[in-house]
Amino acid sequence: MLAGSRDEAFQTQLEPYRRPITLHAYRMLGSLQDAEEVAQESLVRGWEHLEELRSSGAAKAWLYKIATNACLDRLKSRRRRALPPQVAPAADPGQEPGAPAHEGLWIEPAPDAWLEVPGDPQQRPDARAMRHESIALAFITALQLLPPKQRAALLLVDVLGLRPRETAELLETTEISVNSLLQRARKSVETRDVAPKPPTGNAEKELLGRLIDSWERGDLDALTGLLAKDAVFSMPPHAEWYAGRAAIRQFFERFLVADPKRFRLVPVGANGSAAVGVYAGPLEGGPFEPVAITLFTVRDGAVSEIIKFTTPQLFPLFGLPQQLPA
């Protein structure tokens, strides 16, 4: 095959699978950067076997098999990434974050835009709820607590819609083994609160707008007034969690009082939640640089949870600019 036609074949036959494969790898690994690498490796291997895949018409199944096994290999070789311990609300505003309640894993956020995959049957309106649930932070975290093979089986059957027999072929095991993996994985996930949050409505958007305004103005009274009484603020992978309005206000005082207009926030969708890209300007002036992607959960008209991911390297994947003008 000529080079030009081969490149065209890559774009038409393999490139459309990049985003679905990346999402699958993200669910497996909890890391957007690792998922991108797995997807790229899988597509390159597909390019090497392009003639074989074109003739067999099995590109999709083949790519998912390569990507799943690549994820399983990574999970075998890497250490578990620790999540900051959950904390109990502090009774005293001056008290340090509460005692650890459990240890889990931390993950990276993923852009909602990646859920829009042209040609994917899950784009049907009746499948949208399942699609958003499959990328919710609670679900992704629950997946990371499963053994790798259980995780793979659950995703291949319950998220991608493969039959247990097809999954057994992909994982090179038996259908009986896949059904056993599924039973254990489903039972484990059911014990955790992974129910999807309702879509962001007008009231939530208005609340987020007020939060952005108060944060950018450095208005601590207005900011903390938007929080639920039992709100929690965390910053994976740092072991600092703050529970309650007083403790969260104390955290924000560290940097908002010194320079109240140092930050700018740009709304973005992440993991089915309302979110912002946070930019900070240097004290001496100059452009605003990316700092963090921060997710918000709204409950009963107040912000009940804030999760700050200090991952400026992910801004381009969210379509966020690398700088904002001064």
Protein backbone atom coordinates (compact mmCIF):
# COMPACT_ATOMS: atom_id res chain seq x y z
CA MET A 1 0.00 0.00 0.00
CA LEU A 2 1.28 3.47 -0.88
CA ALA A 3 2.23 5.76 2.00
CA GLY A 4 -0.48 8.31 1.20
CA SER A 5 -3.28 5.78 0.99
CA ARG A 6 -1.99 4.07 4.14
CA ASP A 7 -2.12 7.34 6.07
CA GLU A 8 -5.63 7.95 4.76
CA ALA A 9 -6.64 4.45 5.86
CA PHE A 10 -5.29 5.19 9.35
CA GLN A 11 -7.41 8.34 9.58
CA THR A 12 -10.57 6.66 8.34
CA GLN A 13 -10.28 3.22 9.97
CA LEU A 14 -8.33 3.72 13.20
CA GLU A 15 -8.40 7.37 14.26
CA PRO A 16 -12.19 7.32 14.98
CA TYR A 17 -11.47 4.83 17.78
CA ARG A 18 -8.99 7.11 19.57
CA ARG A 19 -11.49 8.79 21.90
CA PRO A 20 -13.50 5.63 22.82
CA ILE A 21 -10.27 3.73 23.48
CA THR A 22 -8.92 6.63 25.56
CA LEU A 23 -12.10 6.70 27.66
CA HIS A 24 -11.92 2.94 28.19
CA ALA A 25 -8.29 3.22 29.31
CA TYR A 26 -9.18 6.17 31.57
CA ARG A 27 -11.83 4.11 33.31
CA MET A 28 -9.33 1.29 33.73
CA LEU A 29 -6.42 3.43 34.99
CA GLY A 30 -7.96 6.59 36.49
CA SER A 31 -5.28 8.65 34.75
CA LEU A 32 -6.03 10.77 31.69
CA GLN A 33 -2.36 10.98 30.73
CA ASP A 34 -1.82 7.23 31.01
CA ALA A 35 -5.01 6.65 29.04
CA GLU A 36 -3.78 8.83 26.18
CA GLU A 37 -0.55 6.85 26.05
CA VAL A 38 -2.41 3.53 25.98
CA ALA A 39 -4.70 4.76 23.19
CA GLN A 40 -1.73 5.96 21.13
CA GLU A 41 0.11 2.66 21.63
CA SER A 42 -3.01 0.72 20.63
CA LEU A 43 -3.55 2.76 17.46
CA VAL A 44 0.11 2.39 16.47
CA ARG A 45 -0.18 -1.38 16.84
CA GLY A 46 -3.35 -1.23 14.79
CA TRP A 47 -1.48 0.68 12.10
CA GLU A 48 1.14 -2.09 12.04
CA HIS A 49 -1.64 -4.65 11.43
CA LEU A 50 -3.76 -2.44 9.18
CA GLU A 51 -4.06 -4.88 6.28
CA GLU A 52 -5.09 -7.72 8.56
CA LEU A 53 -7.67 -5.59 10.38
CA ARG A 54 -9.07 -4.19 7.15
CA SER A 55 -9.64 -7.64 5.71
CA SER A 56 -11.17 -9.11 8.87
CA GLY A 57 -13.33 -6.12 9.80
CA ALA A 58 -12.38 -6.67 13.46
CA ALA A 59 -10.59 -3.39 14.18
CA LYS A 60 -12.82 -2.36 17.11
CA ALA A 61 -12.61 -5.66 19.02
CA TRP A 62 -8.88 -5.93 18.30
CA LEU A 63 -8.14 -2.42 19.55
CA TYR A 64 -10.15 -2.92 22.75
CA LYS A 65 -8.28 -6.16 23.38
CA ILE A 66 -4.89 -4.47 22.91
CA ALA A 67 -5.87 -1.48 25.06
CA THR A 68 -7.37 -3.62 27.85
CA ASN A 69 -4.28 -5.83 28.06
CA ALA A 70 -2.02 -2.77 27.97
CA CYS A 71 -3.97 -1.36 30.94
CA LEU A 72 -3.72 -4.67 32.82
CA ASP A 73 0.05 -4.69 32.25
CA ARG A 74 0.33 -1.14 33.61
CA LEU A 75 -1.74 -2.01 36.65
CA LYS A 76 0.55 -4.94 37.42
CA SER A 77 3.71 -2.86 37.20
CA ARG A 78 2.75 0.36 38.98
CA ARG A 79 2.28 1.11 42.64
CA ARG A 80 -1.11 2.04 43.99
CA ARG A 81 -1.62 5.80 44.12
CA ALA A 82 -2.95 6.79 47.52
CA LEU A 83 -5.95 9.02 48.03
CA PRO A 84 -5.82 11.56 50.84
CA PRO A 85 -7.66 10.06 53.81
CA GLN A 86 -11.30 11.05 54.30
CA VAL A 87 -11.80 13.36 57.22
CA ALA A 88 -14.53 13.90 59.75
CA PRO A 89 -15.86 17.47 60.12
CA ALA A 90 -13.78 19.51 62.52
CA ALA A 91 -15.73 20.85 65.50
CA ASP A 92 -13.21 23.63 66.16
CA PRO A 93 -12.49 26.00 63.22
CA GLY A 94 -8.84 26.07 64.24
CA GLN A 95 -8.57 22.31 64.37
CA GLU A 96 -6.55 20.37 61.81
CA PRO A 97 -8.40 18.09 59.33
CA GLY A 98 -9.98 15.12 61.09
CA ALA A 99 -8.65 11.62 61.54
CA PRO A 100 -8.41 9.29 58.52
CA ALA A 101 -11.47 7.11 57.91
CA HIS A 102 -10.28 5.04 54.96
CA GLU A 103 -7.59 4.80 52.29
CA GLY A 104 -8.39 4.59 48.60
CA LEU A 105 -7.04 5.87 45.33
CA TRP A 106 -6.88 9.25 43.70
CA ILE A 107 -7.65 9.84 40.04
CA GLU A 108 -7.32 12.58 37.46
CA PRO A 109 -10.35 14.46 36.07
CA ALA A 110 -11.59 13.91 32.52
CA PRO A 111 -13.39 16.39 30.22
CA ASP A 112 -17.09 15.90 29.55
CA ALA A 113 -16.43 16.70 25.90
CA TRP A 114 -14.73 13.33 25.53
CA LEU A 115 -18.09 11.65 26.06
CA GLU A 116 -19.26 13.00 22.71
CA VAL A 117 -17.99 10.27 20.35
CA PRO A 118 -19.41 10.52 16.80
CA GLY A 119 -21.03 7.27 15.71
CA ASP A 120 -21.04 5.78 19.22
CA PRO A 121 -24.38 4.05 19.92
CA GLN A 122 -24.17 5.45 23.47
CA GLN A 123 -24.83 8.90 21.98
CA ARG A 124 -28.54 7.98 21.80
CA PRO A 125 -30.62 10.01 24.29
CA ASP A 126 -31.69 6.84 26.12
CA ALA A 127 -28.05 5.98 26.81
CA ARG A 128 -26.88 9.39 28.03
CA ALA A 129 -27.47 8.71 31.73
CA MET A 130 -25.35 5.56 31.56
CA ARG A 131 -22.65 7.43 29.64
CA HIS A 132 -22.37 10.14 32.29
CA GLU A 133 -22.45 7.62 35.11
CA SER A 134 -19.54 5.75 33.51
CA ILE A 135 -17.26 8.77 33.90
CA ALA A 136 -18.50 10.09 37.26
CA LEU A 137 -15.72 10.49 39.84
CA ALA A 138 -17.45 8.18 42.31
CA PHE A 139 -17.69 5.42 39.70
CA ILE A 140 -14.11 5.86 38.47
CA THR A 141 -12.86 5.76 42.07
CA ALA A 142 -14.92 2.62 42.78
CA LEU A 143 -13.34 0.99 39.73
CA GLN A 144 -9.84 1.70 40.99
CA LEU A 145 -10.62 -0.27 44.16
CA LEU A 146 -11.45 -3.41 42.13
CA PRO A 147 -8.83 -6.01 41.18
CA PRO A 148 -7.73 -5.33 37.57
CA LYS A 149 -9.45 -8.35 35.97
CA GLN A 150 -12.76 -7.56 37.73
CA ARG A 151 -12.43 -3.97 36.58
CA ALA A 152 -11.88 -5.03 32.97
CA ALA A 153 -14.80 -7.47 32.97
CA LEU A 154 -17.20 -4.92 34.48
CA LEU A 155 -16.24 -2.25 31.94
CA LEU A 156 -16.33 -4.53 28.92
CA VAL A 157 -19.76 -5.97 29.77
CA ASP A 158 -21.63 -3.29 31.72
CA VAL A 159 -20.19 -0.16 30.08
CA LEU A 160 -19.20 -1.24 26.56
CA GLY A 161 -22.00 -3.77 26.20
CA LEU A 162 -20.00 -6.84 25.21
CA ARG A 163 -21.45 -10.26 25.93
CA PRO A 164 -19.66 -12.40 28.52
CA ARG A 165 -18.62 -14.80 25.76
CA GLU A 166 -17.03 -11.96 23.76
CA THR A 167 -15.36 -10.64 26.91
CA ALA A 168 -13.96 -14.10 27.65
CA GLU A 169 -12.38 -14.18 24.19
CA LEU A 170 -10.94 -10.70 24.66
CA LEU A 171 -9.48 -11.53 28.09
CA GLU A 172 -8.41 -14.99 26.90
CA THR A 173 -10.32 -16.77 29.64
CA THR A 174 -13.57 -18.73 30.02
CA GLU A 175 -17.13 -17.42 30.07
CA ILE A 176 -17.56 -18.99 33.51
CA SER A 177 -14.57 -17.00 34.76
CA VAL A 178 -15.96 -13.76 33.29
CA ASN A 179 -19.34 -14.31 34.97
CA SER A 180 -17.57 -14.89 38.27
CA LEU A 181 -15.51 -11.71 37.83
CA LEU A 182 -18.68 -9.76 37.00
CA GLN A 183 -20.57 -11.04 40.02
CA ARG A 184 -17.82 -9.99 42.41
CA ALA A 185 -17.21 -6.64 40.70
CA ARG A 186 -20.90 -5.70 40.67
CA LYS A 187 -21.29 -6.62 44.32
CA SER A 188 -18.30 -4.47 45.26
CA VAL A 189 -19.49 -1.45 43.27
CA GLU A 190 -23.02 -1.74 44.66
CA THR A 191 -21.65 -1.28 48.20
CA ARG A 192 -20.32 2.17 47.25
CA ASP A 193 -22.29 5.35 46.54
CA VAL A 194 -21.72 5.71 42.80
CA ALA A 195 -25.16 7.05 41.89
CA PRO A 196 -24.76 9.71 39.18
CA LYS A 197 -25.41 13.31 40.19
CA PRO A 198 -28.30 15.01 38.35
CA PRO A 199 -27.27 17.12 35.33
CA THR A 200 -26.33 20.71 36.02
CA GLY A 201 -29.46 22.82 35.69
CA ASN A 202 -30.04 26.56 35.55
CA ALA A 203 -30.05 26.93 39.35
CA GLU A 204 -26.72 25.10 39.65
CA LYS A 205 -25.23 27.18 36.83
CA GLU A 206 -26.37 30.37 38.54
CA LEU A 207 -24.84 29.17 41.81
CA LEU A 208 -21.56 28.34 40.05
CA GLY A 209 -21.55 31.82 38.50
CA ARG A 210 -21.91 33.41 41.95
CA LEU A 211 -19.12 31.20 43.30
CA ILE A 212 -16.79 32.19 40.45
CA ASP A 213 -17.58 35.86 41.01
CA SER A 214 -16.95 35.72 44.77
CA TRP A 215 -13.72 33.72 44.31
CA GLU A 216 -12.33 36.12 41.71
CA ARG A 217 -13.23 39.14 43.86
CA GLY A 218 -11.75 37.52 46.96
CA ASP A 219 -15.05 37.91 48.84
CA LEU A 220 -14.70 35.27 51.56
CA ASP A 221 -18.08 36.01 53.13
CA ALA A 222 -19.90 35.51 49.83
CA LEU A 223 -17.82 32.43 48.95
CA THR A 224 -18.38 30.59 52.21
CA GLY A 225 -22.03 31.63 52.20
CA LEU A 226 -22.53 29.44 49.13
CA LEU A 227 -21.23 26.32 50.91
CA ALA A 228 -23.30 23.67 52.63
CA LYS A 229 -22.77 23.43 56.37
CA ASP A 230 -21.08 20.04 55.95
CA ALA A 231 -19.16 20.91 52.75
CA VAL A 232 -15.85 19.15 52.14
CA PHE A 233 -12.81 20.50 50.27
CA SER A 234 -10.03 18.18 49.09
CA MET A 235 -6.94 18.43 46.90
CA PRO A 236 -5.81 15.03 45.57
CA PRO A 237 -3.07 13.85 45.89
CA HIS A 238 -2.28 16.08 48.89
CA ALA A 239 -3.31 14.72 52.28
CA GLU A 240 -5.26 17.86 53.20
CA TRP A 241 -9.02 17.69 53.55
CA TYR A 242 -11.16 20.43 55.06
CA ALA A 243 -14.67 19.83 56.34
CA GLY A 244 -17.22 22.50 57.20
CA ARG A 245 -17.55 26.16 56.22
CA ALA A 246 -15.16 27.46 58.88
CA ALA A 247 -12.32 25.10 57.94
CA ILE A 248 -12.76 25.78 54.20
CA ARG A 249 -12.84 29.53 54.80
CA GLN A 250 -9.63 29.25 56.79
CA PHE A 251 -7.98 27.52 53.83
CA PHE A 252 -9.08 30.18 51.32
CA GLU A 253 -7.92 32.96 53.66
CA ARG A 254 -4.32 31.85 53.11
CA PHE A 255 -4.20 33.24 49.58
CA LEU A 256 -7.33 35.32 48.95
CA VAL A 257 -6.66 37.87 51.71
CA ALA A 258 -3.11 38.61 50.51
CA ASP A 259 -4.19 39.18 46.89
CA PRO A 260 -7.97 38.99 46.47
CA LYS A 261 -7.99 39.43 42.68
CA ARG A 262 -5.15 37.07 41.85
CA PHE A 263 -7.36 34.30 40.41
CA ARG A 264 -9.51 33.82 37.33
CA LEU A 265 -11.84 30.89 36.77
CA VAL A 266 -13.08 29.47 33.48
CA PRO A 267 -16.13 27.13 33.54
CA VAL A 268 -15.65 23.67 32.05
CA GLY A 269 -17.37 20.27 32.31
CA ALA A 270 -15.49 17.45 34.03
CA ASN A 271 -16.66 13.94 35.00
CA GLY A 272 -20.28 14.98 34.67
CA SER A 273 -19.83 17.73 37.28
CA ALA A 274 -19.70 21.50 37.18
CA ALA A 275 -16.03 22.52 37.13
CA VAL A 276 -13.64 25.39 36.50
CA GLY A 277 -10.11 25.81 35.28
CA VAL A 278 -8.34 27.94 37.90
CA TYR A 279 -5.69 30.43 36.77
CA ALA A 280 -3.38 32.46 39.02
CA GLY A 281 -1.53 35.67 38.19
CA PRO A 282 1.91 36.47 39.63
CA LEU A 283 1.97 39.01 42.45
CA GLU A 284 4.10 41.35 40.34
CA GLY A 285 1.66 41.25 37.40
CA GLY A 286 1.67 39.40 34.09
CA PRO A 287 -0.45 36.72 32.42
CA PHE A 288 -2.51 34.26 34.44
CA GLU A 289 -1.10 30.73 34.43
CA PRO A 290 -3.04 27.44 34.84
CA VAL A 291 -3.12 26.07 38.38
CA ALA A 292 -5.88 23.50 38.88
CA ILE A 293 -9.08 21.96 37.60
CA THR A 294 -11.68 22.18 40.36
CA LEU A 295 -14.94 20.20 40.49
CA PHE A 296 -18.07 21.13 42.45
CA THR A 297 -21.01 19.11 43.72
CA VAL A 298 -24.24 20.99 44.40
CA ARG A 299 -26.83 19.64 46.86
CA ASP A 300 -30.03 21.40 47.94
CA GLY A 301 -28.93 24.74 46.53
CA ALA A 302 -25.46 24.82 48.13
CA VAL A 303 -21.97 23.60 47.22
CA SER A 304 -21.45 20.37 49.18
CA GLU A 305 -18.07 19.28 47.81
CA ILE A 306 -15.06 20.91 46.16
CA ILE A 307 -12.29 18.77 44.67
CA LYS A 308 -9.20 20.59 43.44
CA PHE A 309 -6.92 18.71 41.03
CA THR A 310 -3.58 20.48 40.72
CA THR A 311 -3.04 19.24 37.16
CA PRO A 312 -2.19 22.25 34.94
CA GLN A 313 -0.73 19.82 32.38
CA LEU A 314 -4.29 18.64 31.63
CA PHE A 315 -5.60 22.09 30.61
CA PRO A 316 -5.06 21.52 26.84
CA LEU A 317 -7.09 18.28 27.03
CA PHE A 318 -10.01 20.31 28.44
CA GLY A 319 -9.72 22.89 25.66
CA LEU A 320 -8.49 25.49 28.14
CA PRO A 321 -5.88 28.08 27.09
CA GLN A 322 -2.35 27.87 28.45
CA GLN A 323 -2.53 31.50 29.63
CA LEU A 324 -5.05 34.26 30.25
CA PRO A 325 -4.07 37.88 29.60
CA ALA A 326 -3.40 40.10 32.60
